Amino acid sequence: MAGLQELRFPEEKPLLRGQDVTELENPDTFLSVVDTDWKEHDIETPYGLLHVVIRGSPKGNRPAILTYHDVGLNHKLCFNTFFNFEDMQEITKHFVVCHVDAPGQQMGASQFPQGYQFPSMEQLAAMLPSVVQHFGFKYVIGIGVGAGAYVLAKFALIFPDLVEGLVLMNIDPNGKGWIDWAATKLSGLTSTLPDTVLSHLFSQEELVNNTGLVQSYRQQISNVVNQANLQLFWNMYNSRRDLDINRPGTVPNAKTLRCPVMLVVGDNAPAEDGVVECNSKLDPTTTTFLKMADSGGLPQVTQPGKLTEAFKYFLQGMGYIAHLKDRRLSGGAVPSASMTRLARSRTASLTSASSVDGSRPQPCAHSESSEGMGQVNHTMEVSC
């Protein structure tokens, strides 16, 4: 791909440090909670209640990290492994973190009454300003997976001033065509709902070879998520429209995401083609494309270390820098975690810089690694 640079992270095993495959296959791995600082809220929105779990409180002008899970999951099944990863906690303890569950998808959710109209994907996006306003966030950095990535992208298109950056995993910017719609309907007639959802989350190779992890998710999808509510969410996701974005300069009055974006997909993921197409429709000066090896359909579960490293660089590119203790280094002491704005002297291409609680930074065209990786253009294909 012309103009793209390749960045390789140090190789890590596709598991949590000190964790073997049997731990990832254990259902409790995805539902465990490291601390008790999380607080649950049910927030009124124009399209119904949203269940939200939050840790921390807004810190000056610093953005909140807001997540949205994929269909078939909830915030725990989708993000616990990633956010419980030790290096990720070193980053997130300096931000307020807000996990959003799609309507009726949280653990213990009551079944919607017969005839309930599940919100459209556009309406799901339009529910999020109520969350931002409720907690007093000035803007957010969104992390979304699959259907959640689509919702956050739509949110950023409708309310661009509320979004400072996006990490979009497994996003498909396209609506379902008639052939896809018919295939989904046929699959629903011949397969159970959990198995249909599993084919969305995992590739055929993973479904055959990674039986322990797949079986764990089959069990959780069947037992944790209300099946009737899940069916409504699944149907609405498969009725989505095109995101209607185009790379600037390719069509008149092209509309695209204005904030920095990091696209993430595994090299063996069913969403790979959709993510590649989404990359072709975004502004190349503010987009990073991260293709992760050995990660499959759920990179935040199978490769949390690599994803944390990439997220750290992404924050640097937006004007934050994370000094993290790196257990791979055998040398001298490394500063413990702290989050500060990049000073103007750190990179000449940074368009604005300020204190941690100062004015909102503008995206910079380059980022600089704290591990001596040098400057890289914000538009790159990253192979891990």
Protein backbone atom coordinates (compact mmCIF):
# COMPACT_ATOMS: atom_id res chain seq x y z
CA MET A 1 0.00 0.00 0.00
CA ALA A 2 1.61 3.21 -1.15
CA GLY A 3 2.64 5.67 1.50
CA LEU A 4 2.12 3.24 4.36
CA GLN A 5 4.85 2.35 6.81
CA GLU A 6 5.10 -0.87 8.76
CA LEU A 7 5.62 -0.95 12.49
CA ARG A 8 6.37 -4.16 14.33
CA PHE A 9 5.85 -4.61 18.06
CA PRO A 10 7.99 -7.02 20.07
CA GLU A 11 6.41 -10.45 19.88
CA GLU A 12 4.37 -11.66 22.82
CA LYS A 13 2.50 -14.87 23.37
CA PRO A 14 -1.18 -14.47 22.48
CA LEU A 15 -2.20 -14.88 26.12
CA LEU A 16 -2.11 -12.85 29.27
CA ARG A 17 1.26 -12.96 31.02
CA GLY A 18 1.39 -15.93 33.33
CA GLN A 19 -1.82 -17.34 31.85
CA ASP A 20 -2.24 -20.56 29.93
CA VAL A 21 -4.91 -21.56 27.49
CA THR A 22 -6.99 -23.31 30.13
CA GLU A 23 -7.43 -19.97 31.92
CA LEU A 24 -8.73 -18.30 28.75
CA GLU A 25 -11.13 -21.21 28.34
CA ASN A 26 -12.44 -20.72 31.86
CA PRO A 27 -15.70 -18.70 31.71
CA ASP A 28 -14.80 -16.87 34.94
CA THR A 29 -11.82 -15.30 33.16
CA PHE A 30 -14.15 -13.02 31.21
CA LEU A 31 -16.43 -12.13 34.12
CA SER A 32 -13.90 -11.56 36.90
CA VAL A 33 -13.49 -8.05 38.29
CA VAL A 34 -10.10 -6.82 39.44
CA ASP A 35 -11.37 -4.00 41.67
CA THR A 36 -14.59 -2.84 43.24
CA ASP A 37 -14.39 0.77 42.05
CA TRP A 38 -16.89 0.25 39.24
CA LYS A 39 -20.31 1.85 39.71
CA GLU A 40 -23.43 0.88 37.75
CA HIS A 41 -25.91 3.41 36.37
CA ASP A 42 -29.11 3.22 34.33
CA ILE A 43 -29.29 6.40 32.26
CA GLU A 44 -32.39 7.81 30.63
CA THR A 45 -31.98 8.56 26.93
CA PRO A 46 -34.41 9.58 24.15
CA TYR A 47 -34.63 5.90 23.13
CA GLY A 48 -34.79 4.16 26.50
CA LEU A 49 -32.49 3.22 29.36
CA LEU A 50 -28.80 2.50 28.92
CA HIS A 51 -26.89 0.41 31.42
CA VAL A 52 -23.48 1.96 32.06
CA VAL A 53 -20.58 0.95 34.31
CA ILE A 54 -18.08 3.66 35.23
CA ARG A 55 -14.85 3.95 37.18
CA GLY A 56 -13.38 7.28 38.24
CA SER A 57 -14.60 10.81 37.71
CA PRO A 58 -13.87 13.42 35.00
CA LYS A 59 -10.38 14.92 35.35
CA GLY A 60 -10.28 18.46 34.02
CA ASN A 61 -10.30 18.51 30.23
CA ARG A 62 -9.02 14.97 29.96
CA PRO A 63 -11.35 12.79 27.83
CA ALA A 64 -13.18 9.78 29.16
CA ILE A 65 -12.57 6.35 27.65
CA LEU A 66 -15.96 5.04 26.51
CA THR A 67 -16.43 1.49 25.23
CA TYR A 68 -19.15 -0.26 23.26
CA HIS A 69 -19.22 -4.05 22.86
CA ASP A 70 -20.03 -6.31 19.92
CA VAL A 71 -23.34 -8.08 19.33
CA GLY A 72 -23.62 -11.29 21.36
CA LEU A 73 -21.50 -9.87 24.16
CA ASN A 74 -21.69 -7.25 26.88
CA HIS A 75 -19.01 -5.02 28.36
CA LYS A 76 -17.67 -7.79 30.60
CA LEU A 77 -17.48 -10.52 27.98
CA CYS A 78 -16.00 -8.11 25.44
CA PHE A 79 -13.57 -5.99 27.45
CA ASN A 80 -12.70 -7.53 30.84
CA THR A 81 -9.62 -9.38 29.59
CA PHE A 82 -8.28 -6.23 27.91
CA PHE A 83 -9.01 -3.75 30.69
CA ASN A 84 -7.81 -6.13 33.39
CA PHE A 85 -4.46 -6.50 31.63
CA GLU A 86 -1.83 -4.97 33.92
CA ASP A 87 -0.26 -2.53 31.44
CA MET A 88 -3.69 -1.37 30.30
CA GLN A 89 -4.59 -0.60 33.91
CA GLU A 90 -1.45 1.54 34.14
CA ILE A 91 -2.92 3.67 31.35
CA THR A 92 -6.59 3.71 32.27
CA LYS A 93 -6.10 4.63 35.92
CA HIS A 94 -5.40 8.16 34.66
CA PHE A 95 -8.78 8.39 32.88
CA VAL A 96 -12.38 7.89 33.77
CA VAL A 97 -13.53 4.69 32.05
CA CYS A 98 -17.14 4.21 30.97
CA HIS A 99 -18.46 0.89 29.63
CA VAL A 100 -21.80 1.06 27.81
CA ASP A 101 -24.03 -1.99 27.40
CA ALA A 102 -26.43 -2.00 24.46
CA PRO A 103 -30.07 -2.07 25.62
CA GLY A 104 -30.96 -5.36 27.32
CA GLN A 105 -27.52 -6.96 26.80
CA GLN A 106 -26.09 -6.57 30.32
CA MET A 107 -25.91 -9.44 32.79
CA GLY A 108 -29.25 -9.99 34.51
CA ALA A 109 -31.20 -7.83 32.05
CA SER A 110 -34.95 -8.35 32.01
CA GLN A 111 -36.48 -9.54 28.77
CA PHE A 112 -38.07 -6.81 26.69
CA PRO A 113 -41.88 -7.04 26.44
CA GLN A 114 -43.45 -8.48 23.32
CA GLY A 115 -43.65 -5.87 20.58
CA TYR A 116 -40.69 -3.84 21.91
CA GLN A 117 -38.97 -1.92 19.11
CA PHE A 118 -35.20 -2.23 19.52
CA PRO A 119 -33.38 1.04 18.68
CA SER A 120 -31.83 1.31 15.23
CA MET A 121 -28.06 1.59 14.93
CA GLU A 122 -28.48 5.35 14.40
CA GLN A 123 -30.65 5.59 17.51
CA LEU A 124 -28.11 3.61 19.54
CA ALA A 125 -25.54 6.24 18.56
CA ALA A 126 -27.98 9.04 19.44
CA MET A 127 -28.32 7.61 22.97
CA LEU A 128 -24.67 8.28 23.80
CA PRO A 129 -24.85 12.10 24.23
CA SER A 130 -27.11 11.44 27.22
CA VAL A 131 -24.29 9.42 28.78
CA VAL A 132 -21.74 12.15 28.04
CA GLN A 133 -24.01 14.81 29.52
CA HIS A 134 -24.99 12.72 32.57
CA PHE A 135 -21.37 12.34 33.70
CA GLY A 136 -20.16 15.74 32.56
CA PHE A 137 -17.66 14.45 30.00
CA LYS A 138 -16.36 17.11 27.62
CA TYR A 139 -15.43 14.51 25.01
CA VAL A 140 -14.50 10.84 24.81
CA ILE A 141 -12.03 8.42 23.30
CA GLY A 142 -14.19 5.56 22.05
CA ILE A 143 -13.19 1.89 21.92
CA GLY A 144 -15.67 -0.27 20.03
CA VAL A 145 -15.79 -3.81 18.68
CA GLY A 146 -17.90 -4.99 15.76
CA ALA A 147 -21.43 -3.65 16.21
CA GLY A 148 -20.09 -1.37 18.96
CA ALA A 149 -17.47 0.03 16.57
CA TYR A 150 -20.23 0.82 14.08
CA VAL A 151 -22.25 2.59 16.81
CA LEU A 152 -19.25 4.67 17.91
CA ALA A 153 -18.38 5.59 14.31
CA LYS A 154 -21.96 6.71 13.74
CA PHE A 155 -21.81 8.65 17.02
CA ALA A 156 -18.64 10.44 15.85
CA LEU A 157 -20.25 11.30 12.51
CA ILE A 158 -23.35 12.79 14.15
CA PHE A 159 -21.63 14.41 17.15
CA PRO A 160 -18.00 15.04 16.05
CA ASP A 161 -17.31 17.61 18.77
CA LEU A 162 -17.87 14.97 21.46
CA VAL A 163 -15.27 12.52 20.14
CA GLU A 164 -11.52 13.05 20.42
CA GLY A 165 -10.43 9.68 19.06
CA LEU A 166 -11.69 6.22 18.13
CA VAL A 167 -10.30 2.70 18.35
CA LEU A 168 -12.51 0.62 16.05
CA MET A 169 -12.03 -3.15 16.07
CA ASN A 170 -13.68 -5.41 13.49
CA ILE A 171 -15.78 -2.60 12.03
CA ASP A 172 -17.82 -3.26 8.90
CA PRO A 173 -18.90 0.06 7.34
CA ASN A 174 -21.29 -1.61 4.91
CA GLY A 175 -24.94 -2.46 5.27
CA LYS A 176 -26.20 -5.93 4.47
CA GLY A 177 -27.13 -6.56 0.85
CA TRP A 178 -29.99 -8.86 -0.18
CA ILE A 179 -27.67 -11.85 -0.57
CA ASP A 180 -26.15 -11.28 2.86
CA TRP A 181 -29.61 -10.76 4.35
CA ALA A 182 -30.86 -14.03 2.84
CA ALA A 183 -27.77 -15.91 4.07
CA THR A 184 -28.31 -14.54 7.59
CA LYS A 185 -31.97 -15.59 7.51
CA LEU A 186 -31.02 -19.08 6.31
CA SER A 187 -28.36 -19.38 9.00
CA GLY A 188 -30.96 -18.45 11.60
CA LEU A 189 -33.16 -21.30 10.42
CA THR A 190 -30.42 -23.93 10.50
CA SER A 191 -28.32 -22.82 13.50
CA THR A 192 -28.94 -21.75 17.06
CA LEU A 193 -28.57 -18.06 17.87
CA PRO A 194 -25.31 -18.56 19.86
CA ASP A 195 -23.76 -20.51 16.96
CA THR A 196 -24.87 -17.83 14.48
CA VAL A 197 -23.26 -15.14 16.64
CA LEU A 198 -20.09 -17.22 17.04
CA SER A 199 -19.64 -17.25 13.26
CA HIS A 200 -19.72 -13.43 13.43
CA LEU A 201 -17.13 -13.31 16.22
CA PHE A 202 -14.73 -16.04 15.05
CA SER A 203 -13.37 -17.26 11.72
CA GLN A 204 -14.06 -20.77 10.50
CA GLU A 205 -10.48 -21.70 11.32
CA GLU A 206 -10.94 -20.54 14.91
CA LEU A 207 -14.26 -22.34 15.22
CA VAL A 208 -12.48 -25.57 14.25
CA ASN A 209 -9.10 -25.17 15.94
CA ASN A 210 -9.67 -22.98 19.00
CA THR A 211 -12.43 -25.12 20.44
CA GLY A 212 -11.76 -24.29 24.09
CA LEU A 213 -12.11 -20.52 23.66
CA VAL A 214 -15.07 -20.88 21.30
CA GLN A 215 -16.85 -23.25 23.65
CA SER A 216 -16.35 -20.82 26.53
CA TYR A 217 -17.95 -18.02 24.53
CA ARG A 218 -20.76 -20.30 23.39
CA GLN A 219 -21.51 -21.02 27.05
CA GLN A 220 -21.38 -17.35 28.04
CA ILE A 221 -23.51 -16.15 25.11
CA SER A 222 -26.09 -18.83 25.91
CA ASN A 223 -26.21 -18.29 29.68
CA VAL A 224 -25.26 -14.68 30.38
CA VAL A 225 -26.99 -12.69 27.64
CA ASN A 226 -30.80 -12.73 27.44
CA GLN A 227 -31.50 -14.61 24.21
CA ALA A 228 -34.67 -12.74 23.21
CA ASN A 229 -32.93 -9.38 23.74
CA LEU A 230 -29.89 -10.63 21.85
CA GLN A 231 -32.05 -11.65 18.90
CA LEU A 232 -33.42 -8.09 18.68
CA PHE A 233 -29.91 -6.60 18.73
CA TRP A 234 -28.69 -9.14 16.18
CA ASN A 235 -31.58 -8.40 13.83
CA MET A 236 -31.02 -4.65 14.09
CA TYR A 237 -27.27 -4.94 13.46
CA ASN A 238 -27.96 -6.98 10.34
CA SER A 239 -30.41 -4.30 9.18
CA ARG A 240 -27.81 -1.52 9.42
CA ARG A 241 -27.18 0.93 6.61
CA ASP A 242 -23.85 1.89 5.09
CA LEU A 243 -21.89 4.30 7.25
CA ASP A 244 -21.85 6.63 4.22
CA ILE A 245 -18.25 7.76 4.59
CA ASN A 246 -15.73 8.55 1.87
CA ARG A 247 -12.09 9.51 1.87
CA PRO A 248 -11.67 13.28 1.46
CA GLY A 249 -11.02 14.21 -2.16
CA THR A 250 -12.59 11.09 -3.65
CA VAL A 251 -16.12 12.50 -3.99
CA PRO A 252 -17.54 16.03 -3.70
CA ASN A 253 -18.37 17.03 -0.12
CA ALA A 254 -17.01 13.75 1.21
CA LYS A 255 -18.00 12.98 4.78
CA THR A 256 -15.67 10.98 6.98
CA LEU A 257 -14.52 10.71 10.59
CA ARG A 258 -12.78 13.91 11.68
CA CYS A 259 -10.97 12.52 14.73
CA PRO A 260 -7.88 10.30 14.86
CA VAL A 261 -8.85 6.67 14.28
CA MET A 262 -7.05 3.40 14.95
CA LEU A 263 -8.57 0.50 13.02
CA VAL A 264 -7.81 -2.95 14.45
CA VAL A 265 -8.40 -6.40 13.01
CA GLY A 266 -6.85 -9.81 13.46
CA ASP A 267 -5.17 -11.49 10.52
CA ASN A 268 -7.60 -14.37 10.86
CA ALA A 269 -10.81 -12.45 11.54
CA PRO A 270 -14.13 -12.65 9.69
CA ALA A 271 -14.26 -8.83 9.70
CA GLU A 272 -10.95 -8.35 7.88
CA ASP A 273 -12.40 -7.31 4.52
CA GLY A 274 -14.75 -4.80 6.15
CA VAL A 275 -11.95 -3.18 8.14
CA VAL A 276 -9.75 -2.92 5.06
CA GLU A 277 -12.59 -1.20 3.19
CA CYS A 278 -13.21 1.14 6.11
CA ASN A 279 -9.54 2.10 6.04
CA SER A 280 -9.89 3.04 2.36
CA LYS A 281 -12.69 5.47 3.26
CA LEU A 282 -10.97 7.35 6.08
CA ASP A 283 -8.58 10.30 6.04
CA PRO A 284 -5.10 8.77 5.63
CA THR A 285 -3.49 11.59 7.64
CA THR A 286 -5.39 10.68 10.81
CA THR A 287 -5.87 6.92 10.45
CA THR A 288 -3.77 4.04 11.74
CA PHE A 289 -4.48 0.53 10.46
CA LEU A 290 -3.42 -2.19 12.87
CA LYS A 291 -3.48 -5.76 11.56
CA MET A 292 -2.60 -8.13 14.39
CA ALA A 293 -1.03 -11.52 13.87
CA ASP A 294 -2.19 -14.54 15.86
CA SER A 295 -5.20 -12.71 17.24
CA GLY A 296 -8.23 -14.00 15.33
CA GLY A 297 -11.62 -12.41 15.75
CA LEU A 298 -11.19 -11.06 19.29
CA PRO A 299 -7.78 -9.35 19.51
CA GLN A 300 -8.69 -7.68 22.80
CA VAL A 301 -9.02 -11.16 24.33
CA THR A 302 -6.21 -13.09 22.63
CA GLN A 303 -3.62 -10.29 22.31
CA PRO A 304 -4.28 -7.75 25.11
CA GLY A 305 -0.57 -6.93 25.44
CA LYS A 306 -0.09 -5.96 21.80
CA LEU A 307 -3.33 -4.03 21.77
CA THR A 308 -2.33 -2.15 24.92
CA GLU A 309 0.99 -1.20 23.31
CA ALA A 310 -0.79 0.06 20.21
CA PHE A 311 -3.30 2.01 22.31
CA LYS A 312 -0.43 3.70 24.14
CA TYR A 313 1.06 4.90 20.84
CA PHE A 314 -2.38 6.04 19.72
CA LEU A 315 -2.71 8.19 22.84
CA GLN A 316 0.73 9.64 22.18
CA GLY A 317 -0.35 10.66 18.71
CA MET A 318 -3.24 12.64 20.19
CA GLY A 319 -1.06 14.53 22.63
CA TYR A 320 -0.81 12.12 25.55
CA ILE A 321 2.16 10.00 26.48
CA ALA A 322 2.27 7.03 28.80
CA HIS A 323 5.42 6.26 30.79
CA LEU A 324 4.91 2.62 31.68
CA LYS A 325 6.97 0.10 33.55
CA ASP A 326 8.01 -2.37 30.90
CA ARG A 327 8.71 -5.85 32.26
CA ARG A 328 10.48 -6.79 29.01
CA LEU A 329 13.38 -4.45 29.81
CA SER A 330 16.30 -5.86 31.78
CA GLY A 331 18.03 -2.53 32.26
CA GLY A 332 17.54 0.29 34.73
CA ALA A 333 14.41 1.70 36.23
CA VAL A 334 11.57 2.85 34.03
CA PRO A 335 9.24 5.58 35.31
CA SER A 336 5.96 4.32 36.70
CA ALA A 337 2.78 5.20 34.85
CA SER A 338 1.91 8.83 34.39
CA MET A 339 -0.06 10.65 31.71
CA THR A 340 1.08 14.04 30.48
CA ARG A 341 0.63 16.09 27.36
CA LEU A 342 3.42 15.88 24.84
CA ALA A 343 5.47 19.05 24.97
CA ARG A 344 5.92 20.90 21.70
CA SER A 345 9.62 20.07 21.73
CA ARG A 346 8.86 16.31 21.65
CA THR A 347 7.69 16.45 18.03
CA ALA A 348 7.73 19.33 15.63
CA SER A 349 4.58 18.12 13.89
CA LEU A 350 2.32 18.46 16.93
CA THR A 351 -0.16 21.20 16.12
CA SER A 352 -0.93 22.13 19.70
CA ALA A 353 0.30 21.21 23.15
CA SER A 354 -0.76 22.08 26.64
CA SER A 355 -0.82 20.85 30.21
CA VAL A 356 -2.75 17.72 31.15
CA ASP A 357 -5.85 19.71 32.10
CA GLY A 358 -5.41 22.43 29.52
CA SER A 359 -7.20 22.99 26.26
CA ARG A 360 -8.15 20.11 24.03
CA PRO A 361 -5.21 19.01 21.85
CA GLN A 362 -5.34 18.79 18.09
CA PRO A 363 -4.33 15.52 16.43
CA CYS A 364 -0.71 15.39 15.40
CA ALA A 365 0.53 13.93 12.16
CA HIS A 366 3.30 11.92 13.83
CA SER A 367 3.83 10.16 17.11
CA GLU A 368 7.03 9.36 18.92
CA SER A 369 7.60 6.16 20.83
CA SER A 370 9.04 6.24 24.32
CA GLU A 371 10.96 3.10 23.37
CA GLY A 372 13.09 4.64 20.68
CA MET A 373 10.96 3.70 17.70
CA GLY A 374 11.29 7.14 16.17
CA GLN A 375 8.65 9.07 14.33
CA VAL A 376 6.10 7.28 12.22
CA ASN A 377 3.36 8.68 10.08
CA HIS A 378 -0.12 8.45 11.56
CA THR A 379 -1.24 6.53 8.49
CA MET A 380 0.40 3.13 8.65
CA GLU A 381 -0.33 -0.52 8.39
CA VAL A 382 0.89 -2.14 11.54
CA SER A 383 1.82 -5.78 11.56
CA CYS A 384 2.28 -7.32 15.00
